[in-house]
Amino acid sequence: MFATGVTIITARGPDGALAGLTANSFNSVSLTPPLVLWSLSHQTSSLQAFTTCTHYAINVLAVEQRHLAERFATRGIDRWADVGHRPGANGAPVLDGAAAVFECFNRSQYVEGDHTIFVGEVERCGHRDGASPLLYHGGMFYTEHLLGSLSAAAARPLHK
């Protein structure tokens, strides 16, 4: 019963191959230094790519990128076929059209239960003006506001 944003975490494996997966286990940890975290199941085939890479990118998906969320959550396919991306500052793939991107140094990892928690130090970040994030709640993607357009009061930022 907790709504989350949807991300695709991307990296280059030790052999240079692209790695990427859909994740909604993403949180801010610290502003000084800028740290974020996400977690990965030990059953994931790309675990080694993420445990050994020096950098990764956290691509916060925009509402129109639902197809990418589904694609990067699917096993046994070429997730990167026809997916627009560019190398980030330190080589991690940055997806075209993302609502926001956090390019991170792979600072630390903690094995807890059946997951590894990754803490990344944000070295570079950016966002796309006017992009609406893709949300996930109760096993469903939310691509439209259920009540229609937000009122001007609801749409304004809480903090200036």
Protein backbone atom coordinates (compact mmCIF):
# COMPACT_ATOMS: atom_id res chain seq x y z
CA MET A 1 0.00 0.00 0.00
CA PHE A 2 2.96 2.30 -0.63
CA ALA A 3 3.15 4.12 -3.96
CA THR A 4 6.61 4.39 -5.51
CA GLY A 5 8.26 5.85 -8.53
CA VAL A 6 9.68 3.46 -11.09
CA THR A 7 13.35 3.40 -12.09
CA ILE A 8 15.62 1.51 -14.40
CA ILE A 9 19.09 1.02 -12.94
CA THR A 10 21.77 0.75 -15.64
CA ALA A 11 25.46 -0.13 -15.70
CA ARG A 12 28.19 -1.73 -17.75
CA GLY A 13 29.30 -5.17 -16.66
CA PRO A 14 32.95 -6.22 -16.26
CA ASP A 15 32.96 -7.32 -19.91
CA GLY A 16 31.48 -3.97 -21.07
CA ALA A 17 28.04 -5.45 -21.71
CA LEU A 18 25.04 -3.29 -20.85
CA ALA A 19 23.05 -4.25 -17.77
CA GLY A 20 19.71 -2.84 -16.73
CA LEU A 21 16.69 -3.70 -14.62
CA THR A 22 13.45 -2.19 -13.39
CA ALA A 23 13.42 -1.29 -9.70
CA ASN A 24 11.13 0.62 -7.39
CA SER A 25 13.33 0.18 -4.31
CA PHE A 26 14.92 3.63 -4.63
CA ASN A 27 15.34 6.22 -1.85
CA SER A 28 17.30 9.27 -0.88
CA VAL A 29 19.76 8.69 1.98
CA SER A 30 21.65 11.94 2.46
CA LEU A 31 22.00 15.42 1.00
CA THR A 32 25.56 15.96 2.28
CA PRO A 33 27.12 14.00 0.73
CA PRO A 34 24.41 13.26 -1.85
CA LEU A 35 23.61 9.55 -1.36
CA VAL A 36 20.82 7.33 -2.68
CA LEU A 37 20.04 3.64 -2.22
CA TRP A 38 18.34 0.80 -4.05
CA SER A 39 18.25 -2.96 -3.57
CA LEU A 40 18.68 -5.98 -5.80
CA SER A 41 17.64 -9.61 -5.34
CA HIS A 42 20.40 -12.19 -5.23
CA GLN A 43 18.41 -14.19 -7.80
CA THR A 44 18.90 -11.51 -10.47
CA SER A 45 21.10 -12.53 -13.38
CA SER A 46 22.76 -9.10 -13.54
CA LEU A 47 23.84 -9.11 -9.88
CA GLN A 48 27.53 -9.49 -10.79
CA ALA A 49 27.39 -6.55 -13.20
CA PHE A 50 26.13 -4.28 -10.42
CA THR A 51 28.36 -5.60 -7.63
CA THR A 52 31.50 -5.13 -9.75
CA CYS A 53 30.79 -1.88 -11.61
CA THR A 54 32.25 1.40 -10.38
CA HIS A 55 29.30 3.49 -11.60
CA TYR A 56 25.62 3.09 -12.38
CA ALA A 57 22.75 5.33 -13.39
CA ILE A 58 19.33 5.49 -11.79
CA ASN A 59 16.87 6.50 -14.50
CA VAL A 60 13.57 7.72 -13.02
CA LEU A 61 10.97 6.84 -15.63
CA ALA A 62 8.49 9.30 -17.09
CA VAL A 63 4.84 8.33 -17.36
CA GLU A 64 5.17 7.58 -21.09
CA GLN A 65 7.98 5.06 -20.43
CA ARG A 66 5.80 2.29 -18.98
CA HIS A 67 6.86 0.05 -21.87
CA LEU A 68 10.49 0.37 -20.72
CA ALA A 69 9.55 -0.55 -17.14
CA GLU A 70 7.87 -3.70 -18.43
CA ARG A 71 10.68 -4.50 -20.86
CA PHE A 72 13.48 -4.20 -18.27
CA ALA A 73 11.45 -6.39 -15.88
CA THR A 74 11.14 -9.18 -18.46
CA ARG A 75 13.56 -12.11 -18.41
CA GLY A 76 15.02 -13.82 -21.46
CA ILE A 77 14.83 -10.92 -23.92
CA ASP A 78 17.29 -8.36 -25.26
CA ARG A 79 16.23 -5.51 -22.99
CA TRP A 80 18.40 -3.02 -24.89
CA ALA A 81 17.09 -3.64 -28.44
CA ASP A 82 16.01 -0.29 -29.93
CA VAL A 83 16.25 1.51 -26.56
CA GLY A 84 17.62 5.02 -26.91
CA HIS A 85 20.48 5.75 -24.53
CA ARG A 86 23.85 7.45 -24.27
CA PRO A 87 26.90 6.89 -22.07
CA GLY A 88 26.80 8.96 -18.90
CA ALA A 89 29.77 10.86 -17.48
CA ASN A 90 31.37 7.64 -16.20
CA GLY A 91 30.06 5.21 -18.81
CA ALA A 92 26.81 4.02 -17.24
CA PRO A 93 23.98 4.12 -19.80
CA VAL A 94 21.53 7.02 -19.44
CA LEU A 95 18.11 6.37 -20.97
CA ASP A 96 16.62 8.88 -23.39
CA GLY A 97 13.51 10.63 -22.10
CA ALA A 98 13.87 9.80 -18.40
CA ALA A 99 12.12 12.16 -16.00
CA ALA A 100 15.32 12.35 -13.93
CA VAL A 101 18.71 10.66 -13.84
CA PHE A 102 21.14 10.13 -10.97
CA GLU A 103 24.64 9.11 -12.10
CA CYS A 104 26.29 7.42 -9.15
CA PHE A 105 29.60 6.10 -7.89
CA ASN A 106 29.01 2.59 -6.49
CA ARG A 107 29.99 3.65 -2.96
CA SER A 108 28.94 0.71 -0.78
CA GLN A 109 26.97 -2.53 -0.72
CA TYR A 110 25.27 -4.33 2.15
CA VAL A 111 24.07 -7.92 1.94
CA GLU A 112 20.82 -8.21 3.88
CA GLY A 113 18.60 -11.27 3.61
CA ASP A 114 18.08 -12.21 -0.03
CA HIS A 115 19.01 -8.75 -1.37
CA THR A 116 22.03 -6.49 -1.65
CA ILE A 117 21.46 -2.86 -0.76
CA PHE A 118 23.49 -0.49 -2.94
CA VAL A 119 24.39 3.00 -1.74
CA GLY A 120 25.40 5.32 -4.53
CA GLU A 121 27.12 8.67 -4.27
CA VAL A 122 25.44 11.00 -6.74
CA GLU A 123 28.09 12.58 -8.95
CA ARG A 124 25.75 14.06 -11.54
CA CYS A 125 22.00 14.46 -11.80
CA GLY A 126 19.44 16.11 -14.00
CA HIS A 127 15.77 16.16 -14.84
CA ARG A 128 13.51 16.79 -17.82
CA ASP A 129 11.35 19.87 -17.34
CA GLY A 130 7.63 19.11 -17.34
CA ALA A 131 8.05 15.32 -17.13
CA SER A 132 5.54 13.41 -15.01
CA PRO A 133 6.90 10.34 -13.18
CA LEU A 134 5.62 6.82 -13.71
CA LEU A 135 4.09 5.54 -10.46
CA TYR A 136 3.50 2.00 -9.20
CA HIS A 137 1.03 0.99 -6.50
CA GLY A 138 -0.84 -2.19 -5.62
CA GLY A 139 0.62 -4.16 -8.52
CA MET A 140 -0.37 -1.54 -11.12
CA PHE A 141 1.28 1.27 -13.03
CA TYR A 142 -0.40 4.66 -12.82
CA THR A 143 -0.08 6.53 -16.08
CA GLU A 144 -2.83 9.09 -15.45
CA HIS A 145 -4.11 10.87 -12.39
CA LEU A 146 -7.25 8.95 -11.36
CA LEU A 147 -9.16 12.14 -10.62
CA GLY A 148 -8.19 13.94 -13.81
CA SER A 149 -6.07 17.07 -13.82
CA LEU A 150 -4.63 18.32 -10.57
CA SER A 151 -5.93 21.60 -9.23
CA ALA A 152 -3.53 24.55 -9.26
CA ALA A 153 -3.19 24.29 -5.47
CA ALA A 154 -2.39 20.56 -5.58
CA ALA A 155 0.07 20.98 -8.44
CA ARG A 156 2.20 23.69 -6.81
CA PRO A 157 5.41 22.68 -4.99
CA LEU A 158 5.23 22.33 -1.21
CA HIS A 159 8.63 23.98 -0.77
CA LYS A 160 10.14 26.91 -2.61
